[in-house]
Amino acid sequence: MRATRLGAALAAAAIALALGAIVIAPVVVSGRAVAADSPALAGSGLPVPRFVSLKSDRVNLRNGPGTDYPTSWVYRRAGLPLEVIKEFEIWRQVRDAEGATGWVLQSLLSGRRTALVLPWERKTGSSPPLVPIMASDSEHTNVVANVEAGVIADLHMCDGRWCRVTVDQYSGYIEQKKLWGVYEGETFK
């Protein structure tokens, strides 16, 4: 009888998918249930989506997962954060801060966490706004330095509200909501 219920549930899910319905169900990973909207583990064993950074000053963004696909863009900024949104063999589909997507060879990506400071505030023809790096995780502390929107910051830890960062020789804290390269509410050390 249990097999019949499971078969009926699978048949119902297949019909719903065929009709274009959205099915939200838990996924079992390594014997534990994972919510369908949580990051999934990919072929690499790492969660997708996730943030990574570029290892090199010259990285081709391709239209597909392979060298046979044309290059759509060349990144020229080592440390630039990218979001991995899909994996295929040794290729990673990534998204940049401007929303452009394409495929990058996995060996050109690093797990080192970096972030762009307020990239959405950079406007052509006007000077970028300044963002303070604070001495501690509070708005009511000393300013260590002011950095322009669009600079790359090395991330050391984030607590869901503030991230400890380094930009050049300056270290301190920037509000997490001002960074692209870390998820809202994400914590790590």
N, C-alpha and C. Protein backbone atom coordinates (compact mmCIF):
# COMPACT_ATOMS: atom_id res chain seq x y z
N MET A 1 0.82 -1.19 0.00
CA MET A 1 0.00 0.00 0.00
C MET A 1 0.87 1.25 0.00
N ARG A 2 1.99 1.23 0.76
CA ARG A 2 2.88 2.37 0.78
C ARG A 2 3.44 2.64 -0.62
N ALA A 3 3.84 1.61 -1.34
CA ALA A 3 4.36 1.77 -2.69
C ALA A 3 3.31 2.38 -3.60
N THR A 4 2.05 2.04 -3.38
CA THR A 4 0.97 2.58 -4.20
C THR A 4 0.83 4.08 -3.96
N ARG A 5 0.91 4.51 -2.70
CA ARG A 5 0.82 5.94 -2.40
C ARG A 5 1.99 6.71 -3.00
N LEU A 6 3.20 6.14 -2.88
CA LEU A 6 4.38 6.77 -3.45
C LEU A 6 4.24 6.86 -4.96
N GLY A 7 3.79 5.79 -5.59
CA GLY A 7 3.59 5.80 -7.04
C GLY A 7 2.56 6.83 -7.45
N ALA A 8 1.47 6.92 -6.70
CA ALA A 8 0.43 7.91 -7.00
C ALA A 8 0.97 9.33 -6.83
N ALA A 9 1.78 9.55 -5.79
CA ALA A 9 2.37 10.88 -5.57
C ALA A 9 3.31 11.25 -6.71
N LEU A 10 4.12 10.30 -7.13
CA LEU A 10 5.04 10.56 -8.25
C LEU A 10 4.27 10.82 -9.53
N ALA A 11 3.21 10.07 -9.77
CA ALA A 11 2.39 10.28 -10.97
C ALA A 11 1.74 11.66 -10.94
N ALA A 12 1.25 12.06 -9.78
CA ALA A 12 0.62 13.38 -9.65
C ALA A 12 1.64 14.48 -9.90
N ALA A 13 2.86 14.31 -9.37
CA ALA A 13 3.91 15.30 -9.59
C ALA A 13 4.29 15.38 -11.06
N ALA A 14 4.36 14.24 -11.72
CA ALA A 14 4.70 14.22 -13.15
C ALA A 14 3.63 14.93 -13.97
N ILE A 15 2.36 14.71 -13.64
CA ILE A 15 1.26 15.37 -14.35
C ILE A 15 1.31 16.87 -14.11
N ALA A 16 1.57 17.27 -12.85
CA ALA A 16 1.65 18.69 -12.53
C ALA A 16 2.78 19.36 -13.30
N LEU A 17 3.93 18.69 -13.38
CA LEU A 17 5.05 19.25 -14.15
C LEU A 17 4.71 19.34 -15.62
N ALA A 18 4.04 18.32 -16.16
CA ALA A 18 3.67 18.33 -17.57
C ALA A 18 2.70 19.47 -17.88
N LEU A 19 1.88 19.84 -16.92
CA LEU A 19 0.92 20.92 -17.11
C LEU A 19 1.51 22.28 -16.79
N GLY A 20 2.80 22.30 -16.40
CA GLY A 20 3.46 23.57 -16.14
C GLY A 20 3.28 24.08 -14.72
N ALA A 21 2.78 23.25 -13.84
CA ALA A 21 2.60 23.67 -12.45
C ALA A 21 3.94 23.70 -11.75
N ILE A 22 4.05 24.53 -10.74
CA ILE A 22 5.27 24.60 -9.95
C ILE A 22 5.10 23.68 -8.75
N VAL A 23 6.05 22.79 -8.59
CA VAL A 23 6.01 21.86 -7.46
C VAL A 23 7.12 22.24 -6.50
N ILE A 24 6.78 22.50 -5.26
CA ILE A 24 7.78 22.79 -4.23
C ILE A 24 7.75 21.63 -3.26
N ALA A 25 8.86 20.92 -3.22
CA ALA A 25 8.97 19.76 -2.35
C ALA A 25 10.38 19.70 -1.79
N PRO A 26 10.54 19.06 -0.64
CA PRO A 26 11.89 18.93 -0.11
C PRO A 26 12.74 18.02 -0.99
N VAL A 27 14.02 18.28 -1.01
CA VAL A 27 14.97 17.47 -1.74
C VAL A 27 15.82 16.74 -0.71
N VAL A 28 16.13 15.47 -0.95
CA VAL A 28 16.94 14.73 0.00
C VAL A 28 18.39 14.76 -0.48
N VAL A 29 19.27 15.28 0.37
CA VAL A 29 20.69 15.36 0.09
C VAL A 29 21.43 14.66 1.22
N SER A 30 22.17 13.63 0.89
CA SER A 30 22.94 12.87 1.89
C SER A 30 22.08 12.42 3.06
N GLY A 31 20.86 11.96 2.76
CA GLY A 31 20.01 11.42 3.80
C GLY A 31 19.27 12.45 4.62
N ARG A 32 19.40 13.74 4.30
CA ARG A 32 18.67 14.76 5.06
C ARG A 32 17.82 15.58 4.11
N ALA A 33 16.65 15.99 4.56
CA ALA A 33 15.75 16.78 3.73
C ALA A 33 16.23 18.22 3.69
N VAL A 34 16.19 18.82 2.52
CA VAL A 34 16.58 20.20 2.33
C VAL A 34 15.43 20.91 1.65
N ALA A 35 15.06 22.08 2.13
CA ALA A 35 13.97 22.82 1.52
C ALA A 35 14.30 23.13 0.07
N ALA A 36 13.28 23.12 -0.77
CA ALA A 36 13.48 23.32 -2.20
C ALA A 36 14.05 24.70 -2.52
N ASP A 37 13.82 25.70 -1.64
CA ASP A 37 14.33 27.03 -1.93
C ASP A 37 15.69 27.31 -1.30
N SER A 38 16.30 26.32 -0.64
CA SER A 38 17.63 26.52 -0.09
C SER A 38 18.66 26.17 -1.15
N PRO A 39 19.92 26.66 -0.98
CA PRO A 39 20.93 26.37 -2.00
C PRO A 39 21.12 24.87 -2.17
N ALA A 40 21.12 24.42 -3.41
CA ALA A 40 21.31 23.01 -3.71
C ALA A 40 22.79 22.71 -3.83
N LEU A 41 23.16 21.46 -3.58
CA LEU A 41 24.53 21.04 -3.78
C LEU A 41 24.68 20.64 -5.24
N ALA A 42 25.75 21.08 -5.86
CA ALA A 42 25.98 20.80 -7.28
C ALA A 42 27.00 19.68 -7.43
N GLY A 43 27.39 19.41 -8.67
CA GLY A 43 28.34 18.35 -8.95
C GLY A 43 29.65 18.50 -8.19
N SER A 44 30.05 19.72 -7.88
CA SER A 44 31.28 19.96 -7.13
C SER A 44 31.11 19.64 -5.65
N GLY A 45 29.86 19.48 -5.21
CA GLY A 45 29.58 19.28 -3.80
C GLY A 45 29.41 20.59 -3.06
N LEU A 46 29.57 21.71 -3.76
CA LEU A 46 29.41 23.03 -3.14
C LEU A 46 28.01 23.55 -3.44
N PRO A 47 27.49 24.41 -2.56
CA PRO A 47 26.13 24.92 -2.79
C PRO A 47 26.05 25.82 -4.01
N VAL A 48 24.91 25.79 -4.66
CA VAL A 48 24.60 26.67 -5.79
C VAL A 48 23.26 27.29 -5.48
N PRO A 49 23.11 28.61 -5.46
CA PRO A 49 24.12 29.60 -5.83
C PRO A 49 25.12 29.84 -4.70
N ARG A 50 26.26 30.44 -5.07
CA ARG A 50 27.30 30.84 -4.12
C ARG A 50 28.15 31.90 -4.78
N PHE A 51 28.87 32.67 -3.96
CA PHE A 51 29.76 33.69 -4.49
C PHE A 51 31.19 33.17 -4.54
N VAL A 52 31.90 33.57 -5.60
CA VAL A 52 33.31 33.26 -5.79
C VAL A 52 33.97 34.54 -6.31
N SER A 53 35.27 34.47 -6.59
CA SER A 53 35.96 35.62 -7.19
C SER A 53 36.88 35.14 -8.29
N LEU A 54 37.28 36.07 -9.15
CA LEU A 54 38.17 35.74 -10.26
C LEU A 54 39.61 35.62 -9.77
N LYS A 55 40.32 34.59 -10.24
CA LYS A 55 41.72 34.40 -9.88
C LYS A 55 42.65 35.26 -10.73
N SER A 56 42.23 35.61 -11.92
CA SER A 56 43.12 36.21 -12.91
C SER A 56 42.61 37.57 -13.38
N ASP A 57 43.53 38.35 -13.97
CA ASP A 57 43.17 39.64 -14.56
C ASP A 57 42.59 39.51 -15.96
N ARG A 58 42.55 38.29 -16.48
CA ARG A 58 41.98 38.07 -17.82
C ARG A 58 41.20 36.76 -17.81
N VAL A 59 39.87 36.87 -17.79
CA VAL A 59 39.00 35.69 -17.76
C VAL A 59 37.91 35.87 -18.81
N ASN A 60 37.78 34.87 -19.67
CA ASN A 60 36.75 34.90 -20.72
C ASN A 60 35.41 34.45 -20.15
N LEU A 61 34.37 35.21 -20.45
CA LEU A 61 33.00 34.83 -20.16
C LEU A 61 32.44 34.30 -21.47
N ARG A 62 32.04 33.03 -21.49
CA ARG A 62 31.60 32.38 -22.73
C ARG A 62 30.09 32.21 -22.75
N ASN A 63 29.56 32.04 -23.96
CA ASN A 63 28.12 31.87 -24.16
C ASN A 63 27.63 30.48 -23.76
N GLY A 64 28.52 29.54 -23.58
CA GLY A 64 28.15 28.18 -23.20
C GLY A 64 29.31 27.51 -22.49
N PRO A 65 29.06 26.31 -21.95
CA PRO A 65 30.08 25.61 -21.16
C PRO A 65 31.09 24.84 -22.03
N GLY A 66 32.01 25.57 -22.65
CA GLY A 66 33.05 24.93 -23.45
C GLY A 66 33.81 25.95 -24.26
N THR A 67 35.00 25.58 -24.70
CA THR A 67 35.82 26.51 -25.48
C THR A 67 35.30 26.67 -26.90
N ASP A 68 34.38 25.80 -27.32
CA ASP A 68 33.77 25.94 -28.65
C ASP A 68 32.76 27.09 -28.70
N TYR A 69 32.31 27.52 -27.54
CA TYR A 69 31.35 28.63 -27.48
C TYR A 69 32.10 29.96 -27.57
N PRO A 70 31.50 30.96 -28.23
CA PRO A 70 32.18 32.26 -28.37
C PRO A 70 32.31 32.99 -27.03
N THR A 71 33.33 33.83 -26.95
CA THR A 71 33.54 34.69 -25.78
C THR A 71 32.63 35.90 -25.91
N SER A 72 31.82 36.15 -24.89
CA SER A 72 30.91 37.30 -24.93
C SER A 72 31.50 38.50 -24.19
N TRP A 73 32.47 38.25 -23.30
CA TRP A 73 33.04 39.34 -22.51
C TRP A 73 34.37 38.85 -21.96
N VAL A 74 35.30 39.77 -21.72
CA VAL A 74 36.57 39.43 -21.06
C VAL A 74 36.66 40.27 -19.79
N TYR A 75 36.67 39.59 -18.64
CA TYR A 75 36.86 40.28 -17.36
C TYR A 75 38.34 40.57 -17.20
N ARG A 76 38.67 41.77 -16.75
CA ARG A 76 40.06 42.17 -16.56
C ARG A 76 40.27 42.71 -15.16
N ARG A 77 39.75 42.02 -14.17
CA ARG A 77 39.83 42.51 -12.80
C ARG A 77 39.89 41.33 -11.83
N ALA A 78 41.11 40.90 -11.48
CA ALA A 78 41.26 39.81 -10.51
C ALA A 78 40.58 40.20 -9.21
N GLY A 79 39.94 39.24 -8.56
CA GLY A 79 39.24 39.51 -7.31
C GLY A 79 37.79 39.90 -7.49
N LEU A 80 37.36 40.13 -8.73
CA LEU A 80 35.98 40.52 -8.99
C LEU A 80 35.02 39.43 -8.50
N PRO A 81 34.04 39.77 -7.68
CA PRO A 81 33.09 38.74 -7.24
C PRO A 81 32.11 38.37 -8.34
N LEU A 82 31.79 37.09 -8.41
CA LEU A 82 30.78 36.57 -9.32
C LEU A 82 29.92 35.59 -8.54
N GLU A 83 28.70 35.40 -8.99
CA GLU A 83 27.80 34.44 -8.36
C GLU A 83 27.69 33.22 -9.25
N VAL A 84 28.03 32.05 -8.72
CA VAL A 84 27.85 30.80 -9.45
C VAL A 84 26.39 30.43 -9.37
N ILE A 85 25.74 30.26 -10.54
CA ILE A 85 24.32 29.94 -10.55
C ILE A 85 24.03 28.55 -11.12
N LYS A 86 25.06 27.94 -11.75
CA LYS A 86 24.88 26.60 -12.31
C LYS A 86 26.26 25.99 -12.54
N GLU A 87 26.33 24.65 -12.51
CA GLU A 87 27.57 23.95 -12.79
C GLU A 87 27.35 22.91 -13.88
N PHE A 88 28.35 22.75 -14.75
CA PHE A 88 28.34 21.70 -15.75
C PHE A 88 29.77 21.25 -15.94
N GLU A 89 30.06 20.04 -15.49
CA GLU A 89 31.41 19.48 -15.55
C GLU A 89 32.40 20.48 -14.95
N ILE A 90 33.39 20.96 -15.73
CA ILE A 90 34.40 21.89 -15.19
C ILE A 90 34.04 23.34 -15.46
N TRP A 91 32.81 23.60 -15.88
CA TRP A 91 32.36 24.95 -16.20
C TRP A 91 31.36 25.45 -15.17
N ARG A 92 31.39 26.76 -14.90
CA ARG A 92 30.47 27.38 -13.96
C ARG A 92 29.73 28.51 -14.67
N GLN A 93 28.40 28.46 -14.61
CA GLN A 93 27.62 29.59 -15.12
C GLN A 93 27.59 30.63 -14.01
N VAL A 94 27.96 31.85 -14.35
CA VAL A 94 28.10 32.90 -13.35
C VAL A 94 27.27 34.12 -13.73
N ARG A 95 27.02 34.94 -12.73
CA ARG A 95 26.33 36.22 -12.91
C ARG A 95 27.20 37.30 -12.26
N ASP A 96 27.36 38.43 -12.94
CA ASP A 96 28.13 39.52 -12.33
C ASP A 96 27.19 40.55 -11.70
N ALA A 97 27.77 41.58 -11.12
CA ALA A 97 26.98 42.59 -10.39
C ALA A 97 26.03 43.36 -11.30
N GLU A 98 26.32 43.37 -12.60
CA GLU A 98 25.43 44.07 -13.54
C GLU A 98 24.35 43.15 -14.10
N GLY A 99 24.38 41.87 -13.72
CA GLY A 99 23.36 40.93 -14.16
C GLY A 99 23.74 40.11 -15.38
N ALA A 100 24.91 40.36 -15.96
CA ALA A 100 25.35 39.60 -17.13
C ALA A 100 25.68 38.17 -16.70
N THR A 101 25.29 37.20 -17.54
CA THR A 101 25.58 35.80 -17.23
C THR A 101 26.36 35.16 -18.37
N GLY A 102 27.09 34.13 -18.03
CA GLY A 102 27.86 33.37 -19.00
C GLY A 102 28.61 32.27 -18.27
N TRP A 103 29.50 31.61 -18.99
CA TRP A 103 30.21 30.45 -18.46
C TRP A 103 31.70 30.72 -18.34
N VAL A 104 32.28 30.27 -17.22
CA VAL A 104 33.69 30.46 -16.92
C VAL A 104 34.27 29.11 -16.51
N LEU A 105 35.51 28.85 -16.93
CA LEU A 105 36.21 27.65 -16.53
C LEU A 105 36.45 27.68 -15.03
N GLN A 106 36.11 26.59 -14.36
CA GLN A 106 36.19 26.51 -12.89
C GLN A 106 37.57 26.85 -12.35
N SER A 107 38.63 26.50 -13.06
CA SER A 107 39.98 26.73 -12.56
C SER A 107 40.35 28.22 -12.52
N LEU A 108 39.55 29.08 -13.14
CA LEU A 108 39.80 30.52 -13.12
C LEU A 108 39.05 31.23 -11.99
N LEU A 109 38.35 30.44 -11.16
CA LEU A 109 37.57 30.98 -10.05
C LEU A 109 38.19 30.57 -8.73
N SER A 110 38.03 31.42 -7.74
CA SER A 110 38.56 31.18 -6.40
C SER A 110 37.43 31.21 -5.39
N GLY A 111 37.58 30.45 -4.31
CA GLY A 111 36.62 30.50 -3.22
C GLY A 111 36.83 31.71 -2.32
N ARG A 112 37.88 32.49 -2.57
CA ARG A 112 38.15 33.69 -1.78
C ARG A 112 36.98 34.65 -1.90
N ARG A 113 36.48 35.11 -0.77
CA ARG A 113 35.30 35.98 -0.78
C ARG A 113 35.71 37.44 -0.91
N THR A 114 35.11 38.07 -1.90
CA THR A 114 35.27 39.51 -2.13
C THR A 114 33.90 40.10 -2.38
N ALA A 115 33.82 41.42 -2.37
CA ALA A 115 32.54 42.08 -2.65
C ALA A 115 32.82 43.42 -3.32
N LEU A 116 31.88 43.85 -4.13
CA LEU A 116 31.91 45.21 -4.69
C LEU A 116 31.13 46.12 -3.75
N VAL A 117 31.67 47.29 -3.49
CA VAL A 117 31.01 48.27 -2.63
C VAL A 117 30.05 49.09 -3.49
N LEU A 118 28.79 49.04 -3.16
CA LEU A 118 27.72 49.80 -3.83
C LEU A 118 27.87 49.90 -5.35
N PRO A 119 28.00 48.79 -6.07
CA PRO A 119 28.18 48.90 -7.53
C PRO A 119 26.99 49.53 -8.23
N TRP A 120 25.81 49.41 -7.66
CA TRP A 120 24.59 49.97 -8.26
C TRP A 120 24.55 51.50 -8.16
N GLU A 121 25.47 52.11 -7.40
CA GLU A 121 25.50 53.57 -7.25
C GLU A 121 26.45 54.25 -8.23
N ARG A 122 27.22 53.48 -9.00
CA ARG A 122 28.15 54.07 -9.99
C ARG A 122 27.35 54.54 -11.19
N LYS A 123 27.48 55.81 -11.52
CA LYS A 123 26.76 56.40 -12.64
C LYS A 123 27.78 57.04 -13.59
N THR A 124 27.60 56.83 -14.87
CA THR A 124 28.48 57.44 -15.87
C THR A 124 28.32 58.95 -15.83
N GLY A 125 29.44 59.65 -15.84
CA GLY A 125 29.40 61.11 -15.87
C GLY A 125 29.36 61.78 -14.52
N SER A 126 29.28 61.02 -13.44
CA SER A 126 29.29 61.64 -12.12
C SER A 126 30.29 60.88 -11.23
N SER A 127 30.81 61.58 -10.25
CA SER A 127 31.78 60.94 -9.37
C SER A 127 31.05 59.95 -8.45
N PRO A 128 31.67 58.80 -8.19
CA PRO A 128 31.00 57.78 -7.36
C PRO A 128 30.90 58.24 -5.91
N PRO A 129 29.84 57.83 -5.22
CA PRO A 129 29.71 58.19 -3.81
C PRO A 129 30.78 57.50 -2.97
N LEU A 130 31.06 58.08 -1.82
CA LEU A 130 32.02 57.50 -0.88
C LEU A 130 31.29 56.71 0.19
N VAL A 131 31.90 55.59 0.57
CA VAL A 131 31.33 54.72 1.59
C VAL A 131 32.36 54.58 2.71
N PRO A 132 31.96 54.83 3.96
CA PRO A 132 32.93 54.74 5.05
C PRO A 132 33.22 53.29 5.45
N ILE A 133 34.49 53.04 5.73
CA ILE A 133 34.89 51.81 6.42
C ILE A 133 34.99 52.19 7.89
N MET A 134 34.19 51.55 8.72
CA MET A 134 34.10 51.91 10.14
C MET A 134 35.09 51.09 10.98
N ALA A 135 35.49 51.64 12.11
CA ALA A 135 36.45 50.97 13.00
C ALA A 135 35.85 49.75 13.67
N SER A 136 34.53 49.75 13.89
CA SER A 136 33.85 48.59 14.47
C SER A 136 32.48 48.46 13.81
N ASP A 137 31.75 47.43 14.19
CA ASP A 137 30.46 47.15 13.55
C ASP A 137 29.34 48.02 14.14
N SER A 138 29.50 49.33 13.99
CA SER A 138 28.53 50.29 14.50
C SER A 138 28.61 51.56 13.67
N GLU A 139 27.49 52.22 13.49
CA GLU A 139 27.47 53.50 12.79
C GLU A 139 28.04 54.61 13.66
N HIS A 140 28.17 54.35 14.96
CA HIS A 140 28.60 55.37 15.92
C HIS A 140 30.04 55.14 16.35
N THR A 141 30.91 54.91 15.40
CA THR A 141 32.33 54.69 15.68
C THR A 141 33.15 55.50 14.69
N ASN A 142 34.45 55.46 14.83
CA ASN A 142 35.33 56.23 13.95
C ASN A 142 35.36 55.67 12.54
N VAL A 143 35.56 56.56 11.58
CA VAL A 143 35.73 56.17 10.18
C VAL A 143 37.22 55.89 9.95
N VAL A 144 37.52 54.69 9.46
CA VAL A 144 38.90 54.32 9.16
C VAL A 144 39.32 54.94 7.83
N ALA A 145 38.44 54.84 6.83
CA ALA A 145 38.70 55.38 5.49
C ALA A 145 37.39 55.47 4.75
N ASN A 146 37.37 56.28 3.71
CA ASN A 146 36.22 56.34 2.80
C ASN A 146 36.67 55.74 1.47
N VAL A 147 35.85 54.85 0.92
CA VAL A 147 36.18 54.21 -0.36
C VAL A 147 35.07 54.54 -1.36
N GLU A 148 35.46 54.57 -2.63
CA GLU A 148 34.49 54.87 -3.68
C GLU A 148 33.62 53.66 -3.97
N ALA A 149 32.39 53.93 -4.37
CA ALA A 149 31.52 52.86 -4.85
C ALA A 149 32.19 52.19 -6.03
N GLY A 150 32.12 50.85 -6.07
CA GLY A 150 32.72 50.10 -7.16
C GLY A 150 34.05 49.45 -6.83
N VAL A 151 34.66 49.81 -5.68
CA VAL A 151 35.92 49.16 -5.32
C VAL A 151 35.66 47.74 -4.84
N ILE A 152 36.69 46.90 -4.95
CA ILE A 152 36.60 45.52 -4.47
C ILE A 152 37.13 45.47 -3.06
N ALA A 153 36.35 44.87 -2.17
CA ALA A 153 36.75 44.68 -0.78
C ALA A 153 36.94 43.19 -0.52
N ASP A 154 38.01 42.83 0.18
CA ASP A 154 38.19 41.45 0.64
C ASP A 154 37.30 41.25 1.85
N LEU A 155 36.52 40.17 1.85
CA LEU A 155 35.63 39.87 2.97
C LEU A 155 36.32 38.90 3.92
N HIS A 156 36.29 39.21 5.22
CA HIS A 156 36.87 38.33 6.23
C HIS A 156 35.81 37.60 7.02
N MET A 157 34.70 38.28 7.30
CA MET A 157 33.57 37.68 8.00
C MET A 157 32.37 38.60 7.86
N CYS A 158 31.18 37.99 7.94
CA CYS A 158 29.93 38.76 7.93
C CYS A 158 29.02 38.18 9.00
N ASP A 159 28.30 39.06 9.70
CA ASP A 159 27.40 38.59 10.76
C ASP A 159 25.93 38.75 10.41
N GLY A 160 25.63 39.06 9.14
CA GLY A 160 24.25 39.27 8.72
C GLY A 160 23.89 40.73 8.63
N ARG A 161 24.66 41.59 9.29
CA ARG A 161 24.42 43.04 9.24
C ARG A 161 25.66 43.81 8.83
N TRP A 162 26.82 43.40 9.33
CA TRP A 162 28.09 44.04 9.04
C TRP A 162 29.08 43.01 8.51
N CYS A 163 30.01 43.45 7.66
CA CYS A 163 31.10 42.59 7.19
C CYS A 163 32.43 43.25 7.52
N ARG A 164 33.36 42.44 8.01
CA ARG A 164 34.72 42.92 8.22
C ARG A 164 35.45 42.81 6.89
N VAL A 165 36.02 43.93 6.44
CA VAL A 165 36.60 44.00 5.10
C VAL A 165 38.00 44.60 5.15
N THR A 166 38.72 44.39 4.05
CA THR A 166 39.98 45.08 3.81
C THR A 166 39.94 45.62 2.39
N VAL A 167 40.28 46.90 2.25
CA VAL A 167 40.45 47.54 0.95
C VAL A 167 41.83 48.18 0.99
N ASP A 168 42.71 47.69 0.13
CA ASP A 168 44.12 48.09 0.17
C ASP A 168 44.66 47.85 1.58
N GLN A 169 45.19 48.89 2.25
CA GLN A 169 45.74 48.69 3.58
C GLN A 169 44.74 49.03 4.70
N TYR A 170 43.50 49.33 4.33
CA TYR A 170 42.49 49.74 5.31
C TYR A 170 41.57 48.58 5.67
N SER A 171 41.43 48.33 6.98
CA SER A 171 40.53 47.27 7.45
C SER A 171 39.51 47.86 8.40
N GLY A 172 38.32 47.31 8.34
CA GLY A 172 37.24 47.75 9.21
C GLY A 172 35.94 47.10 8.79
N TYR A 173 34.84 47.79 9.00
CA TYR A 173 33.51 47.22 8.78
C TYR A 173 32.69 48.08 7.82
N ILE A 174 31.97 47.39 6.94
CA ILE A 174 31.00 48.03 6.05
C ILE A 174 29.68 47.30 6.22
N GLU A 175 28.58 48.05 6.20
CA GLU A 175 27.26 47.43 6.30
C GLU A 175 27.07 46.44 5.16
N GLN A 176 26.57 45.27 5.49
CA GLN A 176 26.42 44.18 4.52
C GLN A 176 25.52 44.58 3.36
N LYS A 177 24.50 45.39 3.61
CA LYS A 177 23.57 45.79 2.55
C LYS A 177 24.22 46.68 1.50
N LYS A 178 25.42 47.17 1.77
CA LYS A 178 26.14 48.03 0.82
C LYS A 178 27.13 47.23 -0.03
N LEU A 179 27.09 45.90 0.06
CA LEU A 179 28.05 45.05 -0.63
C LEU A 179 27.36 44.09 -1.59
N TRP A 180 27.92 43.94 -2.79
CA TRP A 180 27.48 42.91 -3.72
C TRP A 180 28.56 41.83 -3.74
N GLY A 181 28.20 40.64 -3.30
CA GLY A 181 29.15 39.54 -3.19
C GLY A 181 28.89 38.75 -1.92
N VAL A 182 27.85 39.14 -1.21
CA VAL A 182 27.41 38.44 -0.01
C VAL A 182 25.88 38.54 0.02
N TYR A 183 25.24 37.44 0.39
CA TYR A 183 23.77 37.43 0.41
C TYR A 183 23.22 38.17 1.61
N GLU A 184 22.02 38.69 1.46
CA GLU A 184 21.33 39.37 2.56
C GLU A 184 21.18 38.38 3.72
N GLY A 185 21.64 38.78 4.88
CA GLY A 185 21.53 37.96 6.07
C GLY A 185 22.55 36.82 6.16
N GLU A 186 23.42 36.67 5.16
CA GLU A 186 24.41 35.59 5.17
C GLU A 186 25.44 35.83 6.28
N THR A 187 25.82 34.77 6.96
CA THR A 187 26.86 34.85 7.97
C THR A 187 27.96 33.86 7.64
N PHE A 188 29.20 34.26 7.87
CA PHE A 188 30.35 33.35 7.74
C PHE A 188 31.54 33.94 8.45
N LYS A 189 32.49 33.07 8.78
CA LYS A 189 33.73 33.50 9.44
C LYS A 189 34.91 32.99 8.67
